[in-house]
C-alpha atoms as a PDB file:
ATOM      1  CA  MET A   1     -48.657  27.767 -21.682  1.00  0.00           C
ATOM      2  CA  SER A   2     -50.806  24.770 -20.804  1.00  0.00           C
ATOM      3  CA  ILE A   3     -50.253  22.708 -17.692  1.00  0.00           C
ATOM      4  CA  PHE A   4     -49.041  19.845 -19.893  1.00  0.00           C
ATOM      5  CA  CYS A   5     -46.420  22.076 -21.561  1.00  0.00           C
ATOM      6  CA  LYS A   6     -45.228  23.298 -18.177  1.00  0.00           C
ATOM      7  CA  ILE A   7     -44.870  19.724 -16.969  1.00  0.00           C
ATOM      8  CA  ALA A   8     -42.976  18.792 -20.139  1.00  0.00           C
ATOM      9  CA  VAL A   9     -40.610  21.771 -19.775  1.00  0.00           C
ATOM     10  CA  THR A  10     -40.007  20.977 -16.105  1.00  0.00           C
ATOM     11  CA  PHE A  11     -39.316  17.341 -16.995  1.00  0.00           C
ATOM     12  CA  LEU A  12     -36.851  18.295 -19.740  1.00  0.00           C
ATOM     13  CA  VAL A  13     -34.992  20.760 -17.461  1.00  0.00           C
ATOM     14  CA  SER A  14     -34.770  18.138 -14.717  1.00  0.00           C
ATOM     15  CA  LEU A  15     -33.604  15.562 -17.242  1.00  0.00           C
ATOM     16  CA  SER A  16     -30.868  17.910 -18.524  1.00  0.00           C
ATOM     17  CA  PHE A  17     -29.567  18.407 -14.990  1.00  0.00           C
ATOM     18  CA  LEU A  18     -29.624  14.658 -14.386  1.00  0.00           C
ATOM     19  CA  ILE A  19     -27.716  13.965 -17.615  1.00  0.00           C
ATOM     20  CA  ALA A  20     -25.139  16.644 -16.713  1.00  0.00           C
ATOM     21  CA  ALA A  21     -24.693  15.169 -13.237  1.00  0.00           C
ATOM     22  CA  GLN A  22     -24.339  11.676 -14.651  1.00  0.00           C
ATOM     23  CA  ALA A  23     -21.823  12.932 -17.230  1.00  0.00           C
ATOM     24  CA  SER A  24     -19.833  14.597 -14.466  1.00  0.00           C
ATOM     25  CA  GLU A  25     -19.878  11.393 -12.411  1.00  0.00           C
ATOM     26  CA  ILE A  26     -18.846   9.327 -15.447  1.00  0.00           C
ATOM     27  CA  THR A  27     -15.916  11.696 -16.070  1.00  0.00           C
ATOM     28  CA  LEU A  28     -14.956  11.544 -12.407  1.00  0.00           C
ATOM     29  CA  ASN A  29     -15.048   7.757 -12.334  1.00  0.00           C
ATOM     30  CA  LYS A  30     -13.457   7.227 -15.727  1.00  0.00           C
ATOM     31  CA  ILE A  31     -10.825   4.504 -15.617  1.00  0.00           C
ATOM     32  CA  ALA A  32      -7.238   5.650 -16.202  1.00  0.00           C
ATOM     33  CA  ALA A  33      -5.700   2.174 -16.002  1.00  0.00           C
ATOM     34  CA  VAL A  34      -6.393  -1.405 -14.935  1.00  0.00           C
ATOM     35  CA  ILE A  35      -3.564  -3.455 -13.425  1.00  0.00           C
ATOM     36  CA  ASN A  36      -4.257  -7.177 -12.993  1.00  0.00           C
ATOM     37  CA  GLY A  37      -7.906  -6.285 -12.433  1.00  0.00           C
ATOM     38  CA  GLU A  38      -7.204  -3.389 -10.025  1.00  0.00           C
ATOM     39  CA  MET A  39      -8.340   0.022 -11.263  1.00  0.00           C
ATOM     40  CA  ILE A  40      -6.920   3.534 -11.090  1.00  0.00           C
ATOM     41  CA  THR A  41      -9.704   6.075 -11.633  1.00  0.00           C
ATOM     42  CA  LEU A  42      -9.254   9.432 -13.303  1.00  0.00           C
ATOM     43  CA  HIS A  43     -10.210  11.021  -9.985  1.00  0.00           C
ATOM     44  CA  GLU A  44      -7.351   9.243  -8.178  1.00  0.00           C
ATOM     45  CA  LEU A  45      -4.894  10.178 -10.912  1.00  0.00           C
ATOM     46  CA  ARG A  46      -5.938  13.828 -10.801  1.00  0.00           C
ATOM     47  CA  ARG A  47      -5.598  13.871  -7.009  1.00  0.00           C
ATOM     48  CA  HIS A  48      -2.008  12.611  -7.167  1.00  0.00           C
ATOM     49  CA  LEU A  49      -1.184  14.819 -10.151  1.00  0.00           C
ATOM     50  CA  GLY A  50      -2.574  17.895  -8.377  1.00  0.00           C
ATOM     51  CA  ALA A  51      -0.345  17.269  -5.373  1.00  0.00           C
ATOM     52  CA  GLU A  52       2.688  16.827  -7.638  1.00  0.00           C
ATOM     53  CA  LEU A  53       1.902  20.023  -9.545  1.00  0.00           C
ATOM     54  CA  ALA A  54       1.669  21.935  -6.269  1.00  0.00           C
ATOM     55  CA  ARG A  55       4.896  20.394  -4.971  1.00  0.00           C
ATOM     56  CA  GLN A  56       6.788  21.368  -8.123  1.00  0.00           C
ATOM     57  CA  ARG A  57       4.891  24.668  -8.395  1.00  0.00           C
ATOM     58  CA  ILE A  58       3.730  23.927 -11.927  1.00  0.00           C
ATOM     59  CA  ALA A  59       0.584  25.621 -13.263  1.00  0.00           C
ATOM     60  CA  PRO A  60      -2.244  23.340 -14.534  1.00  0.00           C
ATOM     61  CA  ASP A  61      -1.912  24.810 -18.049  1.00  0.00           C
ATOM     62  CA  ASP A  62       1.849  24.277 -18.210  1.00  0.00           C
ATOM     63  CA  PRO A  63       2.894  22.323 -21.347  1.00  0.00           C
ATOM     64  CA  ARG A  64       4.829  19.888 -19.118  1.00  0.00           C
ATOM     65  CA  VAL A  65       1.628  18.637 -17.460  1.00  0.00           C
ATOM     66  CA  PRO A  66       0.846  15.782 -19.914  1.00  0.00           C
ATOM     67  CA  GLU A  67       4.330  14.318 -19.462  1.00  0.00           C
ATOM     68  CA  LEU A  68       4.118  14.714 -15.691  1.00  0.00           C
ATOM     69  CA  GLN A  69       0.691  13.032 -15.689  1.00  0.00           C
ATOM     70  CA  SER A  70       2.197  10.070 -17.513  1.00  0.00           C
ATOM     71  CA  GLN A  71       4.989   9.860 -14.942  1.00  0.00           C
ATOM     72  CA  VAL A  72       2.521  10.033 -12.035  1.00  0.00           C
ATOM     73  CA  LEU A  73       0.380   7.304 -13.617  1.00  0.00           C
ATOM     74  CA  ASP A  74       3.457   5.099 -14.116  1.00  0.00           C
ATOM     75  CA  SER A  75       4.381   5.576 -10.466  1.00  0.00           C
ATOM     76  CA  MET A  76       0.850   4.673  -9.344  1.00  0.00           C
ATOM     77  CA  ILE A  77       0.916   1.546 -11.532  1.00  0.00           C
ATOM     78  CA  ASN A  78       4.252   0.495 -10.006  1.00  0.00           C
ATOM     79  CA  ASP A  79       2.881   1.067  -6.501  1.00  0.00           C
ATOM     80  CA  ILE A  80      -0.071  -1.227  -7.260  1.00  0.00           C
ATOM     81  CA  LEU A  81       2.232  -3.916  -8.677  1.00  0.00           C
ATOM     82  CA  ILE A  82       4.364  -3.735  -5.520  1.00  0.00           C
ATOM     83  CA  ARG A  83       1.264  -3.921  -3.304  1.00  0.00           C
ATOM     84  CA  GLN A  84       0.116  -6.983  -5.230  1.00  0.00           C
ATOM     85  CA  GLU A  85       3.556  -8.582  -4.799  1.00  0.00           C
ATOM     86  CA  ALA A  86       3.512  -7.731  -1.096  1.00  0.00           C
ATOM     87  CA  LYS A  87       0.138  -9.411  -0.749  1.00  0.00           C
ATOM     88  CA  ARG A  88       1.460 -12.487  -2.547  1.00  0.00           C
ATOM     89  CA  TYR A  89       4.375 -12.757  -0.108  1.00  0.00           C
ATOM     90  CA  LYS A  90       2.248 -11.691   2.890  1.00  0.00           C
ATOM     91  CA  ILE A  91       4.336  -8.563   3.495  1.00  0.00           C
ATOM     92  CA  THR A  92       2.338  -5.891   5.331  1.00  0.00           C
ATOM     93  CA  VAL A  93       2.586  -2.389   6.781  1.00  0.00           C
ATOM     94  CA  SER A  94       0.249  -1.461   9.640  1.00  0.00           C
ATOM     95  CA  ASP A  95      -1.497   1.888  10.169  1.00  0.00           C
ATOM     96  CA  GLY A  96       0.461   2.246  13.395  1.00  0.00           C
ATOM     97  CA  GLU A  97       3.767   1.914  11.537  1.00  0.00           C
ATOM     98  CA  VAL A  98       2.690   4.552   9.007  1.00  0.00           C
ATOM     99  CA  GLU A  99       1.619   6.909  11.786  1.00  0.00           C
ATOM    100  CA  ALA A 100       4.929   6.361  13.608  1.00  0.00           C
ATOM    101  CA  GLU A 101       6.869   7.130  10.425  1.00  0.00           C
ATOM    102  CA  LEU A 102       4.859  10.311   9.912  1.00  0.00           C
ATOM    103  CA  LYS A 103       5.679  11.430  13.465  1.00  0.00           C
ATOM    104  CA  LYS A 104       9.381  10.833  12.785  1.00  0.00           C
ATOM    105  CA  ILE A 105       9.202  12.957   9.644  1.00  0.00           C
ATOM    106  CA  ILE A 106       7.500  15.791  11.529  1.00  0.00           C
ATOM    107  CA  ALA A 107      10.074  15.577  14.332  1.00  0.00           C
ATOM    108  CA  ARG A 108      13.010  15.550  11.895  1.00  0.00           C
ATOM    109  CA  SER A 109      11.607  18.587  10.097  1.00  0.00           C
ATOM    110  CA  GLY A 110      12.014  20.678  13.235  1.00  0.00           C
ATOM    111  CA  MET A 111       8.454  21.982  12.720  1.00  0.00           C
ATOM    112  CA  SER A 112       5.481  21.804  15.010  1.00  0.00           C
ATOM    113  CA  SER A 113       2.521  19.715  13.829  1.00  0.00           C
ATOM    114  CA  GLU A 114       0.715  22.934  12.976  1.00  0.00           C
ATOM    115  CA  GLN A 115       3.631  24.266  10.923  1.00  0.00           C
ATOM    116  CA  PHE A 116       4.013  20.910   9.165  1.00  0.00           C
ATOM    117  CA  ALA A 117       0.309  20.880   8.290  1.00  0.00           C
ATOM    118  CA  MET A 118       0.635  24.380   6.826  1.00  0.00           C
ATOM    119  CA  GLN A 119       3.641  23.273   4.777  1.00  0.00           C
ATOM    120  CA  MET A 120       1.682  20.285   3.442  1.00  0.00           C
ATOM    121  CA  LYS A 121      -1.137  22.621   2.449  1.00  0.00           C
ATOM    122  CA  LYS A 122       1.330  24.834   0.558  1.00  0.00           C
ATOM    123  CA  GLU A 123       2.555  21.768  -1.288  1.00  0.00           C
ATOM    124  CA  GLY A 124      -0.982  20.796  -2.221  1.00  0.00           C
ATOM    125  CA  THR A 125      -1.107  17.596  -0.207  1.00  0.00           C
ATOM    126  CA  THR A 126      -3.066  16.286   2.766  1.00  0.00           C
ATOM    127  CA  ARG A 127      -2.258  14.137   5.750  1.00  0.00           C
ATOM    128  CA  GLU A 128      -4.233  11.262   4.214  1.00  0.00           C
ATOM    129  CA  LEU A 129      -2.388  11.469   0.892  1.00  0.00           C
ATOM    130  CA  LEU A 130       0.974  11.705   2.656  1.00  0.00           C
ATOM    131  CA  LYS A 131       0.110   8.611   4.709  1.00  0.00           C
ATOM    132  CA  GLU A 132      -0.825   6.762   1.500  1.00  0.00           C
ATOM    133  CA  ARG A 133       2.578   7.627   0.063  1.00  0.00           C
ATOM    134  CA  LEU A 134       4.364   6.618   3.256  1.00  0.00           C
ATOM    135  CA  ALA A 135       2.537   3.285   3.295  1.00  0.00           C
ATOM    136  CA  ASP A 136       3.591   2.663  -0.312  1.00  0.00           C
ATOM    137  CA  THR A 137       7.181   3.680   0.490  1.00  0.00           C
ATOM    138  CA  LEU A 138       7.401   1.376   3.522  1.00  0.00           C
ATOM    139  CA  LEU A 139       5.867  -1.479   1.548  1.00  0.00           C
ATOM    140  CA  ARG A 140       8.270  -0.867  -1.328  1.00  0.00           C
ATOM    141  CA  GLN A 141      11.213  -0.957   1.097  1.00  0.00           C
ATOM    142  CA  ARG A 142      10.056  -4.246   2.599  1.00  0.00           C
ATOM    143  CA  VAL A 143       9.451  -5.903  -0.736  1.00  0.00           C
ATOM    144  CA  SER A 144      12.822  -4.567  -1.892  1.00  0.00           C
ATOM    145  CA  ASN A 145      14.547  -5.923   1.231  1.00  0.00           C
ATOM    146  CA  PHE A 146      12.883  -9.289   0.745  1.00  0.00           C
ATOM    147  CA  MET A 147      13.502  -9.627  -2.983  1.00  0.00           C
ATOM    148  CA  ILE A 148      16.585  -7.502  -3.760  1.00  0.00           C
ATOM    149  CA  VAL A 149      18.653  -5.946  -0.943  1.00  0.00           C
ATOM    150  CA  ARG A 150      19.908  -9.194   0.524  1.00  0.00           C
ATOM    151  CA  LYS A 151      21.321 -10.092  -2.898  1.00  0.00           C
ATOM    152  CA  ILE A 152      23.413  -6.889  -3.189  1.00  0.00           C
ATOM    153  CA  ILE A 153      26.817  -7.333  -1.556  1.00  0.00           C
ATOM    154  CA  VAL A 154      29.081  -4.435  -0.521  1.00  0.00           C
ATOM    155  CA  THR A 155      32.611  -5.584   0.334  1.00  0.00           C
ATOM    156  CA  LYS A 156      34.837  -4.361   3.162  1.00  0.00           C
ATOM    157  CA  GLU A 157      37.384  -3.195   0.577  1.00  0.00           C
ATOM    158  CA  GLU A 158      34.770  -1.045  -1.171  1.00  0.00           C
ATOM    159  CA  VAL A 159      33.835   0.583   2.128  1.00  0.00           C
ATOM    160  CA  GLU A 160      37.448   1.361   3.049  1.00  0.00           C
ATOM    161  CA  GLU A 161      38.184   2.806  -0.398  1.00  0.00           C
ATOM    162  CA  TYR A 162      35.115   5.036  -0.271  1.00  0.00           C
ATOM    163  CA  TYR A 163      35.983   6.259   3.242  1.00  0.00           C
ATOM    164  CA  GLU A 164      39.516   7.245   2.211  1.00  0.00           C
ATOM    165  CA  LYS A 165      38.300   9.118  -0.881  1.00  0.00           C
ATOM    166  CA  HIS A 166      35.468  10.957   0.928  1.00  0.00           C
ATOM    167  CA  LYS A 167      36.803  11.612   4.440  1.00  0.00           C
ATOM    168  CA  SER A 168      35.540  15.190   4.357  1.00  0.00           C
ATOM    169  CA  GLU A 169      31.974  13.892   4.040  1.00  0.00           C
ATOM    170  CA  PHE A 170      32.282  12.134   7.389  1.00  0.00           C
ATOM    171  CA  SER A 171      33.339  15.148   9.416  1.00  0.00           C
ATOM    172  CA  GLY A 172      29.974  14.840  11.171  1.00  0.00           C
ATOM    173  CA  GLN A 173      27.128  17.312  11.515  1.00  0.00           C
ATOM    174  CA  LYS A 174      25.935  19.694  14.161  1.00  0.00           C
ATOM    175  CA  VAL A 175      22.700  18.496  15.772  1.00  0.00           C
ATOM    176  CA  ALA A 176      20.128  20.087  18.041  1.00  0.00           C
ATOM    177  CA  ASN A 177      18.102  18.630  20.882  1.00  0.00           C
ATOM    178  CA  PHE A 178      15.139  20.648  22.085  1.00  0.00           C
ATOM    179  CA  SER A 179      11.689  20.301  23.598  1.00  0.00           C
ATOM    180  CA  ILE A 180       8.476  21.935  22.442  1.00  0.00           C
ATOM    181  CA  ILE A 181       5.026  22.683  23.829  1.00  0.00           C
ATOM    182  CA  MET A 182       2.218  23.857  21.545  1.00  0.00           C
ATOM    183  CA  LEU A 183      -0.560  25.626  23.468  1.00  0.00           C
ATOM    184  CA  PRO A 184      -3.944  26.267  21.817  1.00  0.00           C
ATOM    185  CA  GLU A 185      -5.367  29.751  22.422  1.00  0.00           C
ATOM    186  CA  LYS A 186      -8.310  28.349  24.370  1.00  0.00           C
ATOM    187  CA  LEU A 187      -5.950  27.456  27.249  1.00  0.00           C
ATOM    188  CA  ASN A 188      -4.724  29.880  29.915  1.00  0.00           C
ATOM    189  CA  THR A 189      -1.300  30.068  28.309  1.00  0.00           C
ATOM    190  CA  GLN A 190       0.122  32.723  30.653  1.00  0.00           C
ATOM    191  CA  SER A 191      -0.753  30.644  33.713  1.00  0.00           C
ATOM    192  CA  ILE A 192       0.840  27.519  32.219  1.00  0.00           C
ATOM    193  CA  TYR A 193       3.968  29.486  31.250  1.00  0.00           C
ATOM    194  CA  GLN A 194       4.320  30.913  34.773  1.00  0.00           C
ATOM    195  CA  GLN A 195       4.010  27.397  36.215  1.00  0.00           C
ATOM    196  CA  LEU A 196       6.825  26.270  33.920  1.00  0.00           C
ATOM    197  CA  LEU A 197       8.988  29.237  34.953  1.00  0.00           C
ATOM    198  CA  SER A 198       8.391  28.659  38.662  1.00  0.00           C
ATOM    199  CA  GLY A 199       9.041  24.937  38.389  1.00  0.00           C
ATOM    200  CA  THR A 200       5.662  23.968  39.830  1.00  0.00           C
ATOM    201  CA  LEU A 201       5.061  22.281  36.465  1.00  0.00           C
ATOM    202  CA  SER A 202       7.913  20.509  34.708  1.00  0.00           C
ATOM    203  CA  PHE A 203       8.361  20.991  30.970  1.00  0.00           C
ATOM    204  CA  GLU A 204       7.776  17.269  30.413  1.00  0.00           C
ATOM    205  CA  GLU A 205       4.550  17.338  32.432  1.00  0.00           C
ATOM    206  CA  GLY A 206       3.388  20.456  30.585  1.00  0.00           C
ATOM    207  CA  ALA A 207       4.081  18.897  27.194  1.00  0.00           C
ATOM    208  CA  ALA A 208       2.317  15.642  28.045  1.00  0.00           C
ATOM    209  CA  LYS A 209      -0.680  17.397  29.589  1.00  0.00           C
ATOM    210  CA  TYR A 210      -1.237  20.461  27.394  1.00  0.00           C
ATOM    211  CA  SER A 211       0.726  20.279  24.148  1.00  0.00           C
ATOM    212  CA  ALA A 212      -1.143  19.906  20.869  1.00  0.00           C
ATOM    213  CA  ASP A 213       2.080  18.826  19.125  1.00  0.00           C
ATOM    214  CA  GLN A 214       2.834  15.237  18.067  1.00  0.00           C
ATOM    215  CA  SER A 215       5.931  15.332  20.289  1.00  0.00           C
ATOM    216  CA  ALA A 216       3.653  15.381  23.353  1.00  0.00           C
ATOM    217  CA  GLU A 217       3.844  11.574  23.350  1.00  0.00           C
ATOM    218  CA  GLN A 218       7.619  11.944  23.882  1.00  0.00           C
ATOM    219  CA  LYS A 219       6.961  14.586  26.572  1.00  0.00           C
ATOM    220  CA  GLY A 220       7.897  17.294  24.121  1.00  0.00           C
ATOM    221  CA  HIS A 221      11.382  15.992  23.341  1.00  0.00           C
ATOM    222  CA  VAL A 222      12.782  16.371  19.819  1.00  0.00           C
ATOM    223  CA  VAL A 223      16.196  14.723  19.581  1.00  0.00           C
ATOM    224  CA  GLY A 224      19.084  14.683  17.102  1.00  0.00           C
ATOM    225  CA  ILE A 225      17.805  17.121  14.480  1.00  0.00           C
ATOM    226  CA  ALA A 226      20.495  18.162  11.980  1.00  0.00           C
ATOM    227  CA  TRP A 227      21.203  21.850  12.534  1.00  0.00           C
ATOM    228  CA  ASP A 228      21.260  22.614   8.816  1.00  0.00           C
ATOM    229  CA  ARG A 229      17.743  21.215   8.427  1.00  0.00           C
ATOM    230  CA  LEU A 230      16.250  23.604  10.974  1.00  0.00           C
ATOM    231  CA  PRO A 231      14.510  26.758   9.697  1.00  0.00           C
ATOM    232  CA  GLN A 232      16.606  29.928  10.078  1.00  0.00           C
ATOM    233  CA  ASP A 233      14.241  31.316  12.727  1.00  0.00           C
ATOM    234  CA  MET A 234      14.628  28.145  14.788  1.00  0.00           C
ATOM    235  CA  GLN A 235      18.430  28.283  14.510  1.00  0.00           C
ATOM    236  CA  LYS A 236      18.431  31.907  15.733  1.00  0.00           C
ATOM    237  CA  LEU A 237      16.121  31.082  18.619  1.00  0.00           C
ATOM    238  CA  LEU A 238      18.156  28.077  19.801  1.00  0.00           C
ATOM    239  CA  SER A 239      21.385  30.069  19.439  1.00  0.00           C
ATOM    240  CA  SER A 240      19.953  32.759  21.722  1.00  0.00           C
ATOM    241  CA  LEU A 241      19.147  30.236  24.478  1.00  0.00           C
ATOM    242  CA  LYS A 242      21.381  28.400  26.931  1.00  0.00           C
ATOM    243  CA  ASP A 243      20.997  24.681  27.606  1.00  0.00           C
ATOM    244  CA  GLY A 244      17.887  24.144  29.727  1.00  0.00           C
ATOM    245  CA  GLN A 245      16.576  27.645  29.041  1.00  0.00           C
ATOM    246  CA  MET A 246      13.038  28.244  27.769  1.00  0.00           C
ATOM    247  CA  SER A 247      11.967  30.716  25.134  1.00  0.00           C
ATOM    248  CA  PRO A 248       9.287  33.328  25.799  1.00  0.00           C
ATOM    249  CA  LEU A 249       5.730  32.510  24.771  1.00  0.00           C
ATOM    250  CA  LEU A 250       5.854  32.708  20.975  1.00  0.00           C
ATOM    251  CA  ARG A 251       2.628  33.365  19.083  1.00  0.00           C
ATOM    252  CA  THR A 252       1.779  31.179  16.105  1.00  0.00           C
ATOM    253  CA  GLN A 253      -1.376  30.748  14.071  1.00  0.00           C
ATOM    254  CA  GLY A 254      -3.898  29.188  16.402  1.00  0.00           C
ATOM    255  CA  GLY A 255      -1.938  29.441  19.638  1.00  0.00           C
ATOM    256  CA  PHE A 256       1.450  29.730  21.297  1.00  0.00           C
ATOM    257  CA  VAL A 257       4.648  27.711  21.327  1.00  0.00           C
ATOM    258  CA  ILE A 258       7.362  27.349  23.983  1.00  0.00           C
ATOM    259  CA  ILE A 259      10.789  25.976  23.052  1.00  0.00           C
ATOM    260  CA  ARG A 260      13.396  24.724  25.516  1.00  0.00           C
ATOM    261  CA  ARG A 261      16.967  24.216  24.348  1.00  0.00           C
ATOM    262  CA  ASP A 262      18.198  20.852  25.627  1.00  0.00           C
ATOM    263  CA  GLY A 263      21.595  20.965  23.948  1.00  0.00           C
ATOM    264  CA  VAL A 264      23.453  21.514  20.683  1.00  0.00           C
ATOM    265  CA  GLU A 265      26.165  19.044  19.757  1.00  0.00           C
ATOM    266  CA  ASP A 266      29.006  20.201  17.521  1.00  0.00           C
ATOM    267  CA  ALA A 267      30.037  18.133  14.548  1.00  0.00           C
ATOM    268  CA  LYS A 268      32.273  15.155  15.345  1.00  0.00           C
ATOM    269  CA  PRO A 269      34.231  13.216  12.683  1.00  0.00           C
ATOM    270  CA  LEU A 270      33.050   9.649  12.163  1.00  0.00           C
ATOM    271  CA  THR A 271      35.504   6.763  12.411  1.00  0.00           C
ATOM    272  CA  LEU A 272      35.585   4.120   9.677  1.00  0.00           C
ATOM    273  CA  GLN A 273      33.600   1.795  11.924  1.00  0.00           C
ATOM    274  CA  GLU A 274      30.966   4.473  12.647  1.00  0.00           C
ATOM    275  CA  ALA A 275      30.766   5.462   8.966  1.00  0.00           C
ATOM    276  CA  THR A 276      30.543   1.903   7.609  1.00  0.00           C
ATOM    277  CA  PRO A 277      26.709   1.523   7.725  1.00  0.00           C
ATOM    278  CA  LEU A 278      26.293   4.877   5.984  1.00  0.00           C
ATOM    279  CA  ILE A 279      28.914   4.057   3.334  1.00  0.00           C
ATOM    280  CA  GLU A 280      27.328   0.664   2.672  1.00  0.00           C
ATOM    281  CA  GLU A 281      24.012   2.415   2.114  1.00  0.00           C
ATOM    282  CA  ILE A 282      25.625   4.977  -0.234  1.00  0.00           C
ATOM    283  CA  ILE A 283      27.318   2.272  -2.324  1.00  0.00           C
ATOM    284  CA  ARG A 284      24.258   0.044  -2.320  1.00  0.00           C
ATOM    285  CA  ALA A 285      21.755   2.771  -3.306  1.00  0.00           C
ATOM    286  CA  PRO A 286      22.474   3.067  -7.079  1.00  0.00           C
ATOM    287  CA  ARG A 287      22.737  -0.725  -7.388  1.00  0.00           C
ATOM    288  CA  LEU A 288      19.474  -1.108  -5.541  1.00  0.00           C
ATOM    289  CA  GLU A 289      17.762   1.478  -7.745  1.00  0.00           C
ATOM    290  CA  GLU A 290      18.957  -0.298 -10.891  1.00  0.00           C
ATOM    291  CA  ARG A 291      17.864  -3.708  -9.627  1.00  0.00           C
ATOM    292  CA  PHE A 292      14.530  -2.308  -8.454  1.00  0.00           C
ATOM    293  CA  LYS A 293      13.863  -0.844 -11.908  1.00  0.00           C
ATOM    294  CA  GLU A 294      14.627  -4.236 -13.415  1.00  0.00           C
ATOM    295  CA  TYR A 295      12.316  -5.873 -10.885  1.00  0.00           C
ATOM    296  CA  THR A 296       9.384  -3.509 -11.598  1.00  0.00           C
ATOM    297  CA  SER A 297       9.983  -3.912 -15.344  1.00  0.00           C
ATOM    298  CA  GLN A 298       9.673  -7.673 -14.895  1.00  0.00           C
ATOM    299  CA  LEU A 299       6.452  -7.214 -12.925  1.00  0.00           C
ATOM    300  CA  ARG A 300       5.023  -4.973 -15.656  1.00  0.00           C
ATOM    301  CA  SER A 301       5.998  -7.428 -18.377  1.00  0.00           C
ATOM    302  CA  LYS A 302       4.098 -10.206 -16.589  1.00  0.00           C
ATOM    303  CA  ALA A 303       1.109  -8.062 -15.608  1.00  0.00           C
ATOM    304  CA  VAL A 304      -2.163  -7.621 -17.468  1.00  0.00           C
ATOM    305  CA  LEU A 305      -2.083  -3.859 -18.062  1.00  0.00           C
ATOM    306  CA  ASP A 306      -4.825  -1.775 -19.668  1.00  0.00           C
ATOM    307  CA  ILE A 307      -3.694   1.867 -19.766  1.00  0.00           C
ATOM    308  CA  ARG A 308      -6.479   4.084 -21.071  1.00  0.00           C
ATOM    309  CA  MET A 309      -4.883   7.529 -20.894  1.00  0.00           C
END
């Protein structure tokens, strides 16, 4: 083969790779929809769809996938419309507020940050994607409060009637208060644990100084977690401890955890006055959902939509 033929072959091979790469990039950046000039790429849609498939444990080749993809795209379109409305009315959600909400969710789950991260991974999501969803949820709530909630009235008579018909639902719930310290393996965990046992280091000081858990900012305290929402292993552990008593060093992936039981409160029936905010929310919820659907339908009818899927 002549030098010119070799050069030509090399050029054609390189060109084929370039075309393939460009084709891949074009596919990746293909537009799924345009909403008032704002785009949703195929890549973004697939990212959200993948997380939803993992959450529902649906295989990628499942015949339900096309319908689910349509639902996910609709949800993403609605989120963009709400964000655009929020911008119009100067309604915002800060990164700090999203981060604070995420910490609340982790605390309410009764999991450590490490356990929560593992659970997210099982569900096919990431911290960044979860924060995106939380930001959209908080924004949706604020737009809803501004545009809809204040217009939905729940009367005193409705509250009283609901309370009388559903008294058993307001018998209260058992809640747990505990504190947690997550210790990475790189630390001298036995030394820290002995300091906690001897009292030379308080649990709060240990949590603030050493813990890798999000609760470290609250000195390890996790308060008011519904007993039924705790994992079975956590329920057994707390049941085996007395108030103020610490668990042994418990090994987890990547380190150790120490739990202190701070108290378990038995269920207490709620009075009508105590139950009123909850009842108002229960009665308002279906009305709010209906009005919110009407509101988003109005936004879609006024929007310039170009759905390409």
